[in-house]
Amino acid sequence: MRSFEFPVEAGHIQEFKRAVGDLDATFDPDAAAPPTFMVAADRYDPDYDRRLRSDRPWPPVAPESGSGFHAGMVFEYHRHPKAGEVLTATVADGEEWFKQGRRGGQLRFREIVTTFVDADGQRCVTARWINVRADNEVRE
C-alpha cells in the first residue's frame, strides 16, 4: 500500500475537460472535477510505472513478465472533488480472479484500488483499475 497527495487544481480541471472534448470549458475556480478526472492523479504518484521520468526512455519498456493490459476502470463517487482541494490517494491491491480464456489457458484479473480522501479524512472517490493478463499457471 502506498499514499501520495493529489492537488485538484482549477486549471488542470479545465485542461482535462478540453482533452475529453468539452470545447466550451472555461476557467472556473469553483469547478467540480469531471467524472473521469481522477485518472489525472497518476501524474502525482511517484511510483506510477508509466509516469514520465527524466531517468528513463518514454514510453516505458514493459516488464519482461508482461504487465497485461487495462481491462476496465470503475469510479465510485462519494462526492465530487472541488478545485483547490488536496486529496490523499491511497493505492492498494484489490480483488483477484481468474477466467478461462477462449484460446485455452486462463486469464488473471487484478484490481488496483485507489481511495481518495479530503483534508478531513472523508472519502471522496474510490477508483478501481482492472488489469488482465494470460496466466500460464494451471488453477483448479
C-alpha atoms as a PDB file:
ATOM      1  CA  MET A   1       0.000   0.000   0.000  1.00  0.00           C
ATOM      2  CA  ARG A   2       1.267   3.481  -0.792  1.00  0.00           C
ATOM      3  CA  SER A   3      -0.038   7.049  -0.490  1.00  0.00           C
ATOM      4  CA  PHE A   4       0.565  10.369  -2.216  1.00  0.00           C
ATOM      5  CA  GLU A   5      -1.058  13.799  -2.421  1.00  0.00           C
ATOM      6  CA  PHE A   6      -3.179  14.875  -5.385  1.00  0.00           C
ATOM      7  CA  PRO A   7      -3.795  18.645  -5.699  1.00  0.00           C
ATOM      8  CA  VAL A   8      -7.077  19.305  -7.511  1.00  0.00           C
ATOM      9  CA  GLU A   9      -6.322  22.452  -9.487  1.00  0.00           C
ATOM     10  CA  ALA A  10      -8.884  24.518 -11.423  1.00  0.00           C
ATOM     11  CA  GLY A  11      -6.568  24.896 -14.431  1.00  0.00           C
ATOM     12  CA  HIS A  12      -5.955  21.154 -14.522  1.00  0.00           C
ATOM     13  CA  ILE A  13      -9.716  20.500 -14.431  1.00  0.00           C
ATOM     14  CA  GLN A  14     -10.158  22.910 -17.347  1.00  0.00           C
ATOM     15  CA  GLU A  15      -7.385  21.189 -19.353  1.00  0.00           C
ATOM     16  CA  PHE A  16      -8.903  17.798 -18.635  1.00  0.00           C
ATOM     17  CA  LYS A  17     -12.389  18.903 -19.739  1.00  0.00           C
ATOM     18  CA  ARG A  18     -10.954  20.197 -23.013  1.00  0.00           C
ATOM     19  CA  ALA A  19      -8.955  16.985 -23.519  1.00  0.00           C
ATOM     20  CA  VAL A  20     -12.144  14.909 -23.282  1.00  0.00           C
ATOM     21  CA  GLY A  21     -13.988  17.102 -25.769  1.00  0.00           C
ATOM     22  CA  ASP A  22     -15.615  19.881 -23.720  1.00  0.00           C
ATOM     23  CA  LEU A  23     -14.511  22.682 -26.042  1.00  0.00           C
ATOM     24  CA  ASP A  24     -16.577  25.231 -24.100  1.00  0.00           C
ATOM     25  CA  ALA A  25     -14.690  24.586 -20.871  1.00  0.00           C
ATOM     26  CA  THR A  26     -13.914  27.912 -19.266  1.00  0.00           C
ATOM     27  CA  PHE A  27     -11.756  28.566 -16.252  1.00  0.00           C
ATOM     28  CA  ASP A  28     -13.871  28.201 -13.118  1.00  0.00           C
ATOM     29  CA  PRO A  29     -12.043  28.299  -9.791  1.00  0.00           C
ATOM     30  CA  ASP A  30     -15.052  26.639  -8.098  1.00  0.00           C
ATOM     31  CA  ALA A  31     -15.364  23.874 -10.694  1.00  0.00           C
ATOM     32  CA  ALA A  32     -16.151  20.330  -9.678  1.00  0.00           C
ATOM     33  CA  ALA A  33     -13.941  17.739 -11.313  1.00  0.00           C
ATOM     34  CA  PRO A  34     -15.499  15.748 -14.193  1.00  0.00           C
ATOM     35  CA  PRO A  35     -16.199  12.049 -13.525  1.00  0.00           C
ATOM     36  CA  THR A  36     -13.066  10.567 -15.112  1.00  0.00           C
ATOM     37  CA  PHE A  37     -10.741  13.310 -13.821  1.00  0.00           C
ATOM     38  CA  MET A  38      -9.374  11.063 -11.081  1.00  0.00           C
ATOM     39  CA  VAL A  39      -7.096   9.292 -13.582  1.00  0.00           C
ATOM     40  CA  ALA A  40      -5.093  12.546 -13.607  1.00  0.00           C
ATOM     41  CA  ALA A  41      -3.834  11.622 -10.134  1.00  0.00           C
ATOM     42  CA  ASP A  42      -1.318   9.316 -11.823  1.00  0.00           C
ATOM     43  CA  ARG A  43       0.768  12.428 -12.629  1.00  0.00           C
ATOM     44  CA  TYR A  44       1.375  12.863  -8.904  1.00  0.00           C
ATOM     45  CA  ASP A  45       2.045   9.230  -7.977  1.00  0.00           C
ATOM     46  CA  PRO A  46       5.834   8.877  -7.692  1.00  0.00           C
ATOM     47  CA  ASP A  47       5.571   5.083  -8.072  1.00  0.00           C
ATOM     48  CA  TYR A  48       3.279   5.011 -11.127  1.00  0.00           C
ATOM     49  CA  ASP A  49       5.220   2.945 -13.678  1.00  0.00           C
ATOM     50  CA  ARG A  50       4.005   4.837 -16.787  1.00  0.00           C
ATOM     51  CA  ARG A  51       4.808   8.274 -15.384  1.00  0.00           C
ATOM     52  CA  LEU A  52       7.218  10.351 -17.470  1.00  0.00           C
ATOM     53  CA  ARG A  53      10.664  10.382 -15.866  1.00  0.00           C
ATOM     54  CA  SER A  54      13.919  12.047 -16.857  1.00  0.00           C
ATOM     55  CA  ASP A  55      15.987   8.951 -15.988  1.00  0.00           C
ATOM     56  CA  ARG A  56      14.410   6.516 -18.481  1.00  0.00           C
ATOM     57  CA  PRO A  57      13.078   6.468 -22.045  1.00  0.00           C
ATOM     58  CA  TRP A  58       9.480   7.251 -22.962  1.00  0.00           C
ATOM     59  CA  PRO A  59       7.331   5.303 -23.417  1.00  0.00           C
ATOM     60  CA  PRO A  60       8.483   2.966 -20.671  1.00  0.00           C
ATOM     61  CA  VAL A  61       9.557  -0.540 -21.581  1.00  0.00           C
ATOM     62  CA  ALA A  62       7.068  -3.198 -20.471  1.00  0.00           C
ATOM     63  CA  PRO A  63       8.364  -5.640 -17.869  1.00  0.00           C
ATOM     64  CA  GLU A  64       9.578  -8.964 -19.277  1.00  0.00           C
ATOM     65  CA  SER A  65       6.921 -10.829 -17.305  1.00  0.00           C
ATOM     66  CA  GLY A  66       4.209  -8.977 -19.226  1.00  0.00           C
ATOM     67  CA  SER A  67       2.046  -6.498 -17.408  1.00  0.00           C
ATOM     68  CA  GLY A  68      -1.087  -7.407 -19.337  1.00  0.00           C
ATOM     69  CA  PHE A  69      -3.496  -4.707 -20.360  1.00  0.00           C
ATOM     70  CA  HIS A  70      -6.109  -2.393 -18.946  1.00  0.00           C
ATOM     71  CA  ALA A  71      -9.498  -4.143 -18.844  1.00  0.00           C
ATOM     72  CA  GLY A  72     -11.599  -1.520 -17.122  1.00  0.00           C
ATOM     73  CA  MET A  73     -11.978   1.343 -14.676  1.00  0.00           C
ATOM     74  CA  VAL A  74     -14.740   1.944 -12.145  1.00  0.00           C
ATOM     75  CA  PHE A  75     -15.250   5.186 -10.200  1.00  0.00           C
ATOM     76  CA  GLU A  76     -17.415   5.267  -7.075  1.00  0.00           C
ATOM     77  CA  TYR A  77     -18.165   8.859  -6.080  1.00  0.00           C
ATOM     78  CA  HIS A  78     -18.981   9.709  -2.505  1.00  0.00           C
ATOM     79  CA  ARG A  79     -18.804  13.364  -3.561  1.00  0.00           C
ATOM     80  CA  HIS A  80     -17.108  15.241  -6.402  1.00  0.00           C
ATOM     81  CA  PRO A  81     -13.721  16.773  -5.608  1.00  0.00           C
ATOM     82  CA  LYS A  82     -13.522  20.543  -5.985  1.00  0.00           C
ATOM     83  CA  ALA A  83     -10.769  22.783  -7.260  1.00  0.00           C
ATOM     84  CA  GLY A  84      -8.419  23.883  -4.501  1.00  0.00           C
ATOM     85  CA  GLU A  85      -8.543  20.671  -2.508  1.00  0.00           C
ATOM     86  CA  VAL A  86      -5.565  18.464  -1.861  1.00  0.00           C
ATOM     87  CA  LEU A  87      -6.642  14.847  -1.684  1.00  0.00           C
ATOM     88  CA  THR A  88      -4.663  11.996  -0.219  1.00  0.00           C
ATOM     89  CA  ALA A  89      -4.666   8.959  -2.506  1.00  0.00           C
ATOM     90  CA  THR A  90      -4.023   5.523  -1.026  1.00  0.00           C
ATOM     91  CA  VAL A  91      -3.290   2.738  -3.519  1.00  0.00           C
ATOM     92  CA  ALA A  92      -3.764  -0.907  -2.552  1.00  0.00           C
ATOM     93  CA  ASP A  93      -4.278  -4.290  -4.157  1.00  0.00           C
ATOM     94  CA  GLY A  94      -7.914  -5.237  -4.561  1.00  0.00           C
ATOM     95  CA  GLU A  95      -9.617  -8.420  -5.711  1.00  0.00           C
ATOM     96  CA  GLU A  96      -8.056 -11.049  -7.942  1.00  0.00           C
ATOM     97  CA  TRP A  97      -9.954 -13.584 -10.049  1.00  0.00           C
ATOM     98  CA  PHE A  98      -9.458 -15.972 -12.938  1.00  0.00           C
ATOM     99  CA  LYS A  99     -11.497 -16.823 -16.034  1.00  0.00           C
ATOM    100  CA  GLN A 100     -10.986 -19.428 -18.695  1.00  0.00           C
ATOM    101  CA  GLY A 101      -9.600 -17.885 -21.884  1.00  0.00           C
ATOM    102  CA  ARG A 102     -11.135 -18.607 -25.302  1.00  0.00           C
ATOM    103  CA  ARG A 103      -7.844 -19.983 -26.604  1.00  0.00           C
ATOM    104  CA  GLY A 104      -7.145 -22.247 -23.651  1.00  0.00           C
ATOM    105  CA  GLY A 105      -5.253 -21.103 -20.612  1.00  0.00           C
ATOM    106  CA  GLN A 106      -6.557 -18.752 -18.006  1.00  0.00           C
ATOM    107  CA  LEU A 107      -6.896 -15.015 -17.721  1.00  0.00           C
ATOM    108  CA  ARG A 108      -5.855 -13.406 -14.472  1.00  0.00           C
ATOM    109  CA  PHE A 109      -7.757 -10.264 -13.459  1.00  0.00           C
ATOM    110  CA  ARG A 110      -6.296  -7.969 -10.797  1.00  0.00           C
ATOM    111  CA  GLU A 111      -7.842  -4.907  -9.292  1.00  0.00           C
ATOM    112  CA  ILE A 112      -5.882  -1.908  -8.005  1.00  0.00           C
ATOM    113  CA  VAL A 113      -7.964   0.235  -5.651  1.00  0.00           C
ATOM    114  CA  THR A 114      -7.204   3.900  -5.068  1.00  0.00           C
ATOM    115  CA  THR A 115      -9.109   5.672  -2.307  1.00  0.00           C
ATOM    116  CA  PHE A 116      -9.121   9.484  -2.321  1.00  0.00           C
ATOM    117  CA  VAL A 117      -9.836  11.311   0.944  1.00  0.00           C
ATOM    118  CA  ASP A 118     -10.035  15.022   1.698  1.00  0.00           C
ATOM    119  CA  ALA A 119      -8.219  17.022   4.398  1.00  0.00           C
ATOM    120  CA  ASP A 120     -10.846  15.929   6.961  1.00  0.00           C
ATOM    121  CA  GLY A 121     -10.276  12.262   6.140  1.00  0.00           C
ATOM    122  CA  GLN A 122     -13.652  11.970   4.398  1.00  0.00           C
ATOM    123  CA  ARG A 123     -13.747   9.664   1.390  1.00  0.00           C
ATOM    124  CA  CYS A 124     -14.392  11.450  -1.928  1.00  0.00           C
ATOM    125  CA  VAL A 125     -13.771   8.798  -4.573  1.00  0.00           C
ATOM    126  CA  THR A 126     -12.870   5.131  -4.781  1.00  0.00           C
ATOM    127  CA  ALA A 127     -11.312   4.174  -8.120  1.00  0.00           C
ATOM    128  CA  ARG A 128     -10.807   0.580  -9.267  1.00  0.00           C
ATOM    129  CA  TRP A 129      -8.356  -0.111 -12.107  1.00  0.00           C
ATOM    130  CA  ILE A 130      -8.627  -3.621 -13.551  1.00  0.00           C
ATOM    131  CA  ASN A 131      -5.721  -5.341 -15.328  1.00  0.00           C
ATOM    132  CA  VAL A 132      -5.870  -8.659 -17.154  1.00  0.00           C
ATOM    133  CA  ARG A 133      -3.128 -10.931 -18.457  1.00  0.00           C
ATOM    134  CA  ALA A 134      -2.724 -14.522 -19.580  1.00  0.00           C
ATOM    135  CA  ASP A 135      -1.722 -16.707 -16.683  1.00  0.00           C
ATOM    136  CA  ASN A 136       0.305 -19.788 -17.594  1.00  0.00           C
ATOM    137  CA  GLU A 137      -0.112 -21.405 -14.192  1.00  0.00           C
ATOM    138  CA  VAL A 138      -2.893 -24.005 -14.051  1.00  0.00           C
ATOM    139  CA  ARG A 139      -5.599 -23.226 -11.460  1.00  0.00           C
ATOM    140  CA  GLU A 140      -8.280 -25.552 -10.218  1.00  0.00           C
END
